[in-house]
Amino acid sequence: SAVRVAKTLLPVIAAGWNVACAQDA
């Protein structure tokens, strides 16, 4: 879970799908 949260697939899964921290444009 220390990998970049929600940046690539592995951290998204490991972090419990916490995608709210990423802002896309």
mmCIF file of all heavy atoms, coordinates in Angstrom:
data_MODEL
# 
_entry.id   MODEL 
# 
loop_
_atom_site.group_PDB 
_atom_site.id 
_atom_site.type_symbol 
_atom_site.label_atom_id 
_atom_site.label_alt_id 
_atom_site.label_comp_id 
_atom_site.label_asym_id 
_atom_site.label_entity_id 
_atom_site.label_seq_id 
_atom_site.pdbx_PDB_ins_code 
_atom_site.Cartn_x 
_atom_site.Cartn_y 
_atom_site.Cartn_z 
_atom_site.occupancy 
_atom_site.B_iso_or_equiv 
_atom_site.pdbx_formal_charge 
_atom_site.auth_seq_id 
_atom_site.auth_comp_id 
_atom_site.auth_asym_id 
_atom_site.auth_atom_id 
_atom_site.pdbx_PDB_model_num 
ATOM 1   N N   . SER A 1 1  ? 0.815   -1.207 0.000   1.00 0.00 ? 1  SER A N   1 
ATOM 2   C CA  . SER A 1 1  ? 0.000   0.000  0.000   1.00 0.00 ? 1  SER A CA  1 
ATOM 3   C C   . SER A 1 1  ? 0.852   1.261  0.000   1.00 0.00 ? 1  SER A C   1 
ATOM 4   O O   . SER A 1 1  ? 0.342   2.351  -0.185  1.00 0.00 ? 1  SER A O   1 
ATOM 5   C CB  . SER A 1 1  ? -0.934  0.006  1.203   1.00 0.00 ? 1  SER A CB  1 
ATOM 6   O OG  . SER A 1 1  ? -0.200  -0.045 2.402   1.00 0.00 ? 1  SER A OG  1 
ATOM 7   N N   . ALA A 1 2  ? 2.179   1.121  0.197   1.00 0.00 ? 2  ALA A N   1 
ATOM 8   C CA  . ALA A 1 2  ? 3.045   2.285  0.157   1.00 0.00 ? 2  ALA A CA  1 
ATOM 9   C C   . ALA A 1 2  ? 3.272   2.787  -1.265  1.00 0.00 ? 2  ALA A C   1 
ATOM 10  O O   . ALA A 1 2  ? 3.733   3.896  -1.469  1.00 0.00 ? 2  ALA A O   1 
ATOM 11  C CB  . ALA A 1 2  ? 4.405   1.955  0.791   1.00 0.00 ? 2  ALA A CB  1 
ATOM 12  N N   . VAL A 1 3  ? 2.953   1.972  -2.261  1.00 0.00 ? 3  VAL A N   1 
ATOM 13  C CA  . VAL A 1 3  ? 3.085   2.406  -3.641  1.00 0.00 ? 3  VAL A CA  1 
ATOM 14  C C   . VAL A 1 3  ? 2.090   3.529  -3.895  1.00 0.00 ? 3  VAL A C   1 
ATOM 15  O O   . VAL A 1 3  ? 1.073   3.628  -3.233  1.00 0.00 ? 3  VAL A O   1 
ATOM 16  C CB  . VAL A 1 3  ? 2.815   1.221  -4.583  1.00 0.00 ? 3  VAL A CB  1 
ATOM 17  C CG1 . VAL A 1 3  ? 3.071   1.618  -6.037  1.00 0.00 ? 3  VAL A CG1 1 
ATOM 18  C CG2 . VAL A 1 3  ? 3.703   0.050  -4.214  1.00 0.00 ? 3  VAL A CG2 1 
ATOM 19  N N   . ARG A 1 4  ? 2.369   4.368  -4.869  1.00 0.00 ? 4  ARG A N   1 
ATOM 20  C CA  . ARG A 1 4  ? 1.530   5.522  -5.174  1.00 0.00 ? 4  ARG A CA  1 
ATOM 21  C C   . ARG A 1 4  ? 0.051   5.150  -5.162  1.00 0.00 ? 4  ARG A C   1 
ATOM 22  O O   . ARG A 1 4  ? -0.401  4.386  -5.992  1.00 0.00 ? 4  ARG A O   1 
ATOM 23  C CB  . ARG A 1 4  ? 1.884   6.053  -6.550  1.00 0.00 ? 4  ARG A CB  1 
ATOM 24  C CG  . ARG A 1 4  ? 3.353   6.323  -6.737  1.00 0.00 ? 4  ARG A CG  1 
ATOM 25  C CD  . ARG A 1 4  ? 3.686   6.454  -8.187  1.00 0.00 ? 4  ARG A CD  1 
ATOM 26  N NE  . ARG A 1 4  ? 3.355   5.226  -8.887  1.00 0.00 ? 4  ARG A NE  1 
ATOM 27  C CZ  . ARG A 1 4  ? 3.437   5.100  -10.194 1.00 0.00 ? 4  ARG A CZ  1 
ATOM 28  N NH1 . ARG A 1 4  ? 3.816   6.106  -10.924 1.00 0.00 ? 4  ARG A NH1 1 
ATOM 29  N NH2 . ARG A 1 4  ? 3.128   3.962  -10.773 1.00 0.00 ? 4  ARG A NH2 1 
ATOM 30  N N   . VAL A 1 5  ? -0.692  5.710  -4.264  1.00 0.00 ? 5  VAL A N   1 
ATOM 31  C CA  . VAL A 1 5  ? -2.106  5.389  -4.146  1.00 0.00 ? 5  VAL A CA  1 
ATOM 32  C C   . VAL A 1 5  ? -2.835  5.829  -5.408  1.00 0.00 ? 5  VAL A C   1 
ATOM 33  O O   . VAL A 1 5  ? -2.751  6.977  -5.816  1.00 0.00 ? 5  VAL A O   1 
ATOM 34  C CB  . VAL A 1 5  ? -2.714  6.064  -2.908  1.00 0.00 ? 5  VAL A CB  1 
ATOM 35  C CG1 . VAL A 1 5  ? -4.213  5.818  -2.862  1.00 0.00 ? 5  VAL A CG1 1 
ATOM 36  C CG2 . VAL A 1 5  ? -2.046  5.544  -1.645  1.00 0.00 ? 5  VAL A CG2 1 
ATOM 37  N N   . ALA A 1 6  ? -3.561  4.899  -6.011  1.00 0.00 ? 6  ALA A N   1 
ATOM 38  C CA  . ALA A 1 6  ? -4.428  5.149  -7.169  1.00 0.00 ? 6  ALA A CA  1 
ATOM 39  C C   . ALA A 1 6  ? -3.692  5.614  -8.403  1.00 0.00 ? 6  ALA A C   1 
ATOM 40  O O   . ALA A 1 6  ? -4.286  6.111  -9.325  1.00 0.00 ? 6  ALA A O   1 
ATOM 41  C CB  . ALA A 1 6  ? -5.527  6.151  -6.825  1.00 0.00 ? 6  ALA A CB  1 
ATOM 42  N N   . LYS A 1 7  ? -2.381  5.448  -8.468  1.00 0.00 ? 7  LYS A N   1 
ATOM 43  C CA  . LYS A 1 7  ? -1.652  5.900  -9.649  1.00 0.00 ? 7  LYS A CA  1 
ATOM 44  C C   . LYS A 1 7  ? -1.588  4.830  -10.717 1.00 0.00 ? 7  LYS A C   1 
ATOM 45  O O   . LYS A 1 7  ? -1.728  5.099  -11.889 1.00 0.00 ? 7  LYS A O   1 
ATOM 46  C CB  . LYS A 1 7  ? -0.248  6.349  -9.273  1.00 0.00 ? 7  LYS A CB  1 
ATOM 47  C CG  . LYS A 1 7  ? 0.471   7.013  -10.429 1.00 0.00 ? 7  LYS A CG  1 
ATOM 48  C CD  . LYS A 1 7  ? 1.619   7.832  -9.931  1.00 0.00 ? 7  LYS A CD  1 
ATOM 49  C CE  . LYS A 1 7  ? 2.244   8.629  -11.041 1.00 0.00 ? 7  LYS A CE  1 
ATOM 50  N NZ  . LYS A 1 7  ? 2.895   7.804  -12.026 1.00 0.00 ? 7  LYS A NZ  1 
ATOM 51  N N   . THR A 1 8  ? -1.347  3.599  -10.310 1.00 0.00 ? 8  THR A N   1 
ATOM 52  C CA  . THR A 1 8  ? -1.398  2.489  -11.243 1.00 0.00 ? 8  THR A CA  1 
ATOM 53  C C   . THR A 1 8  ? -2.222  1.392  -10.608 1.00 0.00 ? 8  THR A C   1 
ATOM 54  O O   . THR A 1 8  ? -2.626  1.470  -9.465  1.00 0.00 ? 8  THR A O   1 
ATOM 55  C CB  . THR A 1 8  ? 0.018   1.983  -11.583 1.00 0.00 ? 8  THR A CB  1 
ATOM 56  O OG1 . THR A 1 8  ? 0.686   1.649  -10.384 1.00 0.00 ? 8  THR A OG1 1 
ATOM 57  C CG2 . THR A 1 8  ? 0.818   3.029  -12.335 1.00 0.00 ? 8  THR A CG2 1 
ATOM 58  N N   . LEU A 1 9  ? -2.464  0.326  -11.313 1.00 0.00 ? 9  LEU A N   1 
ATOM 59  C CA  . LEU A 1 9  ? -3.434  -0.663 -10.863 1.00 0.00 ? 9  LEU A CA  1 
ATOM 60  C C   . LEU A 1 9  ? -3.079  -1.305 -9.538  1.00 0.00 ? 9  LEU A C   1 
ATOM 61  O O   . LEU A 1 9  ? -3.931  -1.480 -8.684  1.00 0.00 ? 9  LEU A O   1 
ATOM 62  C CB  . LEU A 1 9  ? -3.580  -1.746 -11.925 1.00 0.00 ? 9  LEU A CB  1 
ATOM 63  C CG  . LEU A 1 9  ? -4.063  -1.267 -13.286 1.00 0.00 ? 9  LEU A CG  1 
ATOM 64  C CD1 . LEU A 1 9  ? -4.168  -2.442 -14.229 1.00 0.00 ? 9  LEU A CD1 1 
ATOM 65  C CD2 . LEU A 1 9  ? -5.393  -0.563 -13.174 1.00 0.00 ? 9  LEU A CD2 1 
ATOM 66  N N   . LEU A 1 10 ? -1.841  -1.677 -9.328  1.00 0.00 ? 10 LEU A N   1 
ATOM 67  C CA  . LEU A 1 10 ? -1.453  -2.347 -8.097  1.00 0.00 ? 10 LEU A CA  1 
ATOM 68  C C   . LEU A 1 10 ? -1.746  -1.515 -6.856  1.00 0.00 ? 10 LEU A C   1 
ATOM 69  O O   . LEU A 1 10 ? -2.388  -1.998 -5.931  1.00 0.00 ? 10 LEU A O   1 
ATOM 70  C CB  . LEU A 1 10 ? 0.035   -2.723 -8.142  1.00 0.00 ? 10 LEU A CB  1 
ATOM 71  C CG  . LEU A 1 10 ? 0.627   -3.342 -6.879  1.00 0.00 ? 10 LEU A CG  1 
ATOM 72  C CD1 . LEU A 1 10 ? -0.072  -4.637 -6.526  1.00 0.00 ? 10 LEU A CD1 1 
ATOM 73  C CD2 . LEU A 1 10 ? 2.115   -3.570 -7.050  1.00 0.00 ? 10 LEU A CD2 1 
ATOM 74  N N   . PRO A 1 11 ? -1.313  -0.236 -6.788  1.00 0.00 ? 11 PRO A N   1 
ATOM 75  C CA  . PRO A 1 11 ? -1.632  0.522  -5.579  1.00 0.00 ? 11 PRO A CA  1 
ATOM 76  C C   . PRO A 1 11 ? -3.120  0.755  -5.377  1.00 0.00 ? 11 PRO A C   1 
ATOM 77  O O   . PRO A 1 11 ? -3.585  0.841  -4.259  1.00 0.00 ? 11 PRO A O   1 
ATOM 78  C CB  . PRO A 1 11 ? -0.880  1.838  -5.780  1.00 0.00 ? 11 PRO A CB  1 
ATOM 79  C CG  . PRO A 1 11 ? -0.558  1.900  -7.222  1.00 0.00 ? 11 PRO A CG  1 
ATOM 80  C CD  . PRO A 1 11 ? -0.409  0.483  -7.681  1.00 0.00 ? 11 PRO A CD  1 
ATOM 81  N N   . VAL A 1 12 ? -3.865  0.884  -6.453  1.00 0.00 ? 12 VAL A N   1 
ATOM 82  C CA  . VAL A 1 12 ? -5.300  1.067  -6.298  1.00 0.00 ? 12 VAL A CA  1 
ATOM 83  C C   . VAL A 1 12 ? -5.907  -0.124 -5.588  1.00 0.00 ? 12 VAL A C   1 
ATOM 84  O O   . VAL A 1 12 ? -6.675  0.001  -4.643  1.00 0.00 ? 12 VAL A O   1 
ATOM 85  C CB  . VAL A 1 12 ? -5.964  1.246  -7.680  1.00 0.00 ? 12 VAL A CB  1 
ATOM 86  C CG1 . VAL A 1 12 ? -7.472  1.243  -7.535  1.00 0.00 ? 12 VAL A CG1 1 
ATOM 87  C CG2 . VAL A 1 12 ? -5.517  2.560  -8.313  1.00 0.00 ? 12 VAL A CG2 1 
ATOM 88  N N   . ILE A 1 13 ? -5.536  -1.312 -6.020  1.00 0.00 ? 13 ILE A N   1 
ATOM 89  C CA  . ILE A 1 13 ? -6.077  -2.517 -5.413  1.00 0.00 ? 13 ILE A CA  1 
ATOM 90  C C   . ILE A 1 13 ? -5.603  -2.640 -3.971  1.00 0.00 ? 13 ILE A C   1 
ATOM 91  O O   . ILE A 1 13 ? -6.376  -2.879 -3.062  1.00 0.00 ? 13 ILE A O   1 
ATOM 92  C CB  . ILE A 1 13 ? -5.665  -3.752 -6.232  1.00 0.00 ? 13 ILE A CB  1 
ATOM 93  C CG1 . ILE A 1 13 ? -6.348  -3.703 -7.604  1.00 0.00 ? 13 ILE A CG1 1 
ATOM 94  C CG2 . ILE A 1 13 ? -6.042  -5.037 -5.521  1.00 0.00 ? 13 ILE A CG2 1 
ATOM 95  C CD1 . ILE A 1 13 ? -5.874  -4.755 -8.552  1.00 0.00 ? 13 ILE A CD1 1 
ATOM 96  N N   . ALA A 1 14 ? -4.307  -2.454 -3.770  1.00 0.00 ? 14 ALA A N   1 
ATOM 97  C CA  . ALA A 1 14 ? -3.753  -2.642 -2.440  1.00 0.00 ? 14 ALA A CA  1 
ATOM 98  C C   . ALA A 1 14 ? -4.294  -1.620 -1.451  1.00 0.00 ? 14 ALA A C   1 
ATOM 99  O O   . ALA A 1 14 ? -4.347  -1.868 -0.254  1.00 0.00 ? 14 ALA A O   1 
ATOM 100 C CB  . ALA A 1 14 ? -2.227  -2.546 -2.487  1.00 0.00 ? 14 ALA A CB  1 
ATOM 101 N N   . ALA A 1 15 ? -4.688  -0.456 -1.938  1.00 0.00 ? 15 ALA A N   1 
ATOM 102 C CA  . ALA A 1 15 ? -5.167  0.599  -1.046  1.00 0.00 ? 15 ALA A CA  1 
ATOM 103 C C   . ALA A 1 15 ? -6.671  0.554  -0.848  1.00 0.00 ? 15 ALA A C   1 
ATOM 104 O O   . ALA A 1 15 ? -7.263  1.499  -0.357  1.00 0.00 ? 15 ALA A O   1 
ATOM 105 C CB  . ALA A 1 15 ? -4.759  1.967  -1.604  1.00 0.00 ? 15 ALA A CB  1 
ATOM 106 N N   . GLY A 1 16 ? -7.287  -0.548 -1.236  1.00 0.00 ? 16 GLY A N   1 
ATOM 107 C CA  . GLY A 1 16 ? -8.718  -0.677 -1.021  1.00 0.00 ? 16 GLY A CA  1 
ATOM 108 C C   . GLY A 1 16 ? -9.545  0.189  -1.953  1.00 0.00 ? 16 GLY A C   1 
ATOM 109 O O   . GLY A 1 16 ? -10.618 0.658  -1.613  1.00 0.00 ? 16 GLY A O   1 
ATOM 110 N N   . TRP A 1 17 ? -9.010  0.426  -3.163  1.00 0.00 ? 17 TRP A N   1 
ATOM 111 C CA  . TRP A 1 17 ? -9.750  1.165  -4.182  1.00 0.00 ? 17 TRP A CA  1 
ATOM 112 C C   . TRP A 1 17 ? -10.058 2.597  -3.759  1.00 0.00 ? 17 TRP A C   1 
ATOM 113 O O   . TRP A 1 17 ? -11.100 3.137  -4.041  1.00 0.00 ? 17 TRP A O   1 
ATOM 114 C CB  . TRP A 1 17 ? -11.053 0.430  -4.539  1.00 0.00 ? 17 TRP A CB  1 
ATOM 115 C CG  . TRP A 1 17 ? -10.764 -0.949 -4.987  1.00 0.00 ? 17 TRP A CG  1 
ATOM 116 C CD1 . TRP A 1 17 ? -10.872 -2.092 -4.256  1.00 0.00 ? 17 TRP A CD1 1 
ATOM 117 C CD2 . TRP A 1 17 ? -10.243 -1.340 -6.249  1.00 0.00 ? 17 TRP A CD2 1 
ATOM 118 N NE1 . TRP A 1 17 ? -10.464 -3.166 -5.009  1.00 0.00 ? 17 TRP A NE1 1 
ATOM 119 C CE2 . TRP A 1 17 ? -10.092 -2.737 -6.217  1.00 0.00 ? 17 TRP A CE2 1 
ATOM 120 C CE3 . TRP A 1 17 ? -9.914  -0.661 -7.409  1.00 0.00 ? 17 TRP A CE3 1 
ATOM 121 C CZ2 . TRP A 1 17 ? -9.608  -3.452 -7.305  1.00 0.00 ? 17 TRP A CZ2 1 
ATOM 122 C CZ3 . TRP A 1 17 ? -9.439  -1.362 -8.486  1.00 0.00 ? 17 TRP A CZ3 1 
ATOM 123 C CH2 . TRP A 1 17 ? -9.280  -2.739 -8.427  1.00 0.00 ? 17 TRP A CH2 1 
ATOM 124 N N   . ASN A 1 18 ? -9.088  3.220  -3.090  1.00 0.00 ? 18 ASN A N   1 
ATOM 125 C CA  . ASN A 1 18 ? -9.253  4.619  -2.716  1.00 0.00 ? 18 ASN A CA  1 
ATOM 126 C C   . ASN A 1 18 ? -8.850  5.496  -3.894  1.00 0.00 ? 18 ASN A C   1 
ATOM 127 O O   . ASN A 1 18 ? -7.719  5.936  -4.008  1.00 0.00 ? 18 ASN A O   1 
ATOM 128 C CB  . ASN A 1 18 ? -8.378  4.938  -1.495  1.00 0.00 ? 18 ASN A CB  1 
ATOM 129 C CG  . ASN A 1 18 ? -8.503  6.383  -1.082  1.00 0.00 ? 18 ASN A CG  1 
ATOM 130 O OD1 . ASN A 1 18 ? -9.404  7.080  -1.500  1.00 0.00 ? 18 ASN A OD1 1 
ATOM 131 N ND2 . ASN A 1 18 ? -7.577  6.830  -0.259  1.00 0.00 ? 18 ASN A ND2 1 
ATOM 132 N N   . VAL A 1 19 ? -9.784  5.740  -4.798  1.00 0.00 ? 19 VAL A N   1 
ATOM 133 C CA  . VAL A 1 19 ? -9.454  6.494  -5.993  1.00 0.00 ? 19 VAL A CA  1 
ATOM 134 C C   . VAL A 1 19 ? -9.721  7.993  -5.851  1.00 0.00 ? 19 VAL A C   1 
ATOM 135 O O   . VAL A 1 19 ? -9.395  8.761  -6.736  1.00 0.00 ? 19 VAL A O   1 
ATOM 136 C CB  . VAL A 1 19 ? -10.245 5.956  -7.218  1.00 0.00 ? 19 VAL A CB  1 
ATOM 137 C CG1 . VAL A 1 19 ? -9.874  4.526  -7.480  1.00 0.00 ? 19 VAL A CG1 1 
ATOM 138 C CG2 . VAL A 1 19 ? -11.737 6.098  -7.000  1.00 0.00 ? 19 VAL A CG2 1 
ATOM 139 N N   . ALA A 1 20 ? -10.281 8.395  -4.744  1.00 0.00 ? 20 ALA A N   1 
ATOM 140 C CA  . ALA A 1 20 ? -10.693 9.792  -4.616  1.00 0.00 ? 20 ALA A CA  1 
ATOM 141 C C   . ALA A 1 20 ? -9.516  10.747 -4.531  1.00 0.00 ? 20 ALA A C   1 
ATOM 142 O O   . ALA A 1 20 ? -9.669  11.931 -4.773  1.00 0.00 ? 20 ALA A O   1 
ATOM 143 C CB  . ALA A 1 20 ? -11.577 9.953  -3.383  1.00 0.00 ? 20 ALA A CB  1 
ATOM 144 N N   . CYS A 1 21 ? -8.315  10.239 -4.199  1.00 0.00 ? 21 CYS A N   1 
ATOM 145 C CA  . CYS A 1 21 ? -7.186  11.143 -4.013  1.00 0.00 ? 21 CYS A CA  1 
ATOM 146 C C   . CYS A 1 21 ? -6.612  11.622 -5.339  1.00 0.00 ? 21 CYS A C   1 
ATOM 147 O O   . CYS A 1 21 ? -5.840  12.562 -5.368  1.00 0.00 ? 21 CYS A O   1 
ATOM 148 C CB  . CYS A 1 21 ? -6.093  10.451 -3.212  1.00 0.00 ? 21 CYS A CB  1 
ATOM 149 S SG  . CYS A 1 21 ? -5.371  9.059  -4.088  1.00 0.00 ? 21 CYS A SG  1 
ATOM 150 N N   . ALA A 1 22 ? -6.961  11.002 -6.440  1.00 0.00 ? 22 ALA A N   1 
ATOM 151 C CA  . ALA A 1 22 ? -6.421  11.392 -7.733  1.00 0.00 ? 22 ALA A CA  1 
ATOM 152 C C   . ALA A 1 22 ? -7.353  12.367 -8.423  1.00 0.00 ? 22 ALA A C   1 
ATOM 153 O O   . ALA A 1 22 ? -8.557  12.196 -8.425  1.00 0.00 ? 22 ALA A O   1 
ATOM 154 C CB  . ALA A 1 22 ? -6.227  10.160 -8.604  1.00 0.00 ? 22 ALA A CB  1 
ATOM 155 N N   . GLN A 1 23 ? -6.758  13.404 -8.994  1.00 0.00 ? 23 GLN A N   1 
ATOM 156 C CA  . GLN A 1 23 ? -7.528  14.369 -9.753  1.00 0.00 ? 23 GLN A CA  1 
ATOM 157 C C   . GLN A 1 23 ? -7.043  14.302 -11.194 1.00 0.00 ? 23 GLN A C   1 
ATOM 158 O O   . GLN A 1 23 ? -5.871  14.537 -11.464 1.00 0.00 ? 23 GLN A O   1 
ATOM 159 C CB  . GLN A 1 23 ? -7.323  15.772 -9.191  1.00 0.00 ? 23 GLN A CB  1 
ATOM 160 C CG  . GLN A 1 23 ? -7.727  15.882 -7.727  1.00 0.00 ? 23 GLN A CG  1 
ATOM 161 C CD  . GLN A 1 23 ? -7.270  17.182 -7.112  1.00 0.00 ? 23 GLN A CD  1 
ATOM 162 O OE1 . GLN A 1 23 ? -6.636  18.000 -7.762  1.00 0.00 ? 23 GLN A OE1 1 
ATOM 163 N NE2 . GLN A 1 23 ? -7.596  17.369 -5.848  1.00 0.00 ? 23 GLN A NE2 1 
ATOM 164 N N   . ASP A 1 24 ? -7.932  13.979 -12.130 1.00 0.00 ? 24 ASP A N   1 
ATOM 165 C CA  . ASP A 1 24 ? -7.544  13.787 -13.520 1.00 0.00 ? 24 ASP A CA  1 
ATOM 166 C C   . ASP A 1 24 ? -8.012  14.955 -14.371 1.00 0.00 ? 24 ASP A C   1 
ATOM 167 O O   . ASP A 1 24 ? -9.014  15.595 -14.093 1.00 0.00 ? 24 ASP A O   1 
ATOM 168 C CB  . ASP A 1 24 ? -8.161  12.502 -14.078 1.00 0.00 ? 24 ASP A CB  1 
ATOM 169 C CG  . ASP A 1 24 ? -7.657  11.272 -13.342 1.00 0.00 ? 24 ASP A CG  1 
ATOM 170 O OD1 . ASP A 1 24 ? -6.574  11.368 -12.728 1.00 0.00 ? 24 ASP A OD1 1 
ATOM 171 O OD2 . ASP A 1 24 ? -8.332  10.242 -13.382 1.00 0.00 ? 24 ASP A OD2 1 
ATOM 172 N N   . ALA A 1 25 ? -7.284  15.171 -15.455 1.00 0.00 ? 25 ALA A N   1 
ATOM 173 C CA  . ALA A 1 25 ? -7.693  16.166 -16.434 1.00 0.00 ? 25 ALA A CA  1 
ATOM 174 C C   . ALA A 1 25 ? -7.157  15.741 -17.792 1.00 0.00 ? 25 ALA A C   1 
ATOM 175 O O   . ALA A 1 25 ? -6.136  15.071 -17.887 1.00 0.00 ? 25 ALA A O   1 
ATOM 176 C CB  . ALA A 1 25 ? -7.142  17.549 -16.064 1.00 0.00 ? 25 ALA A CB  1 
# 
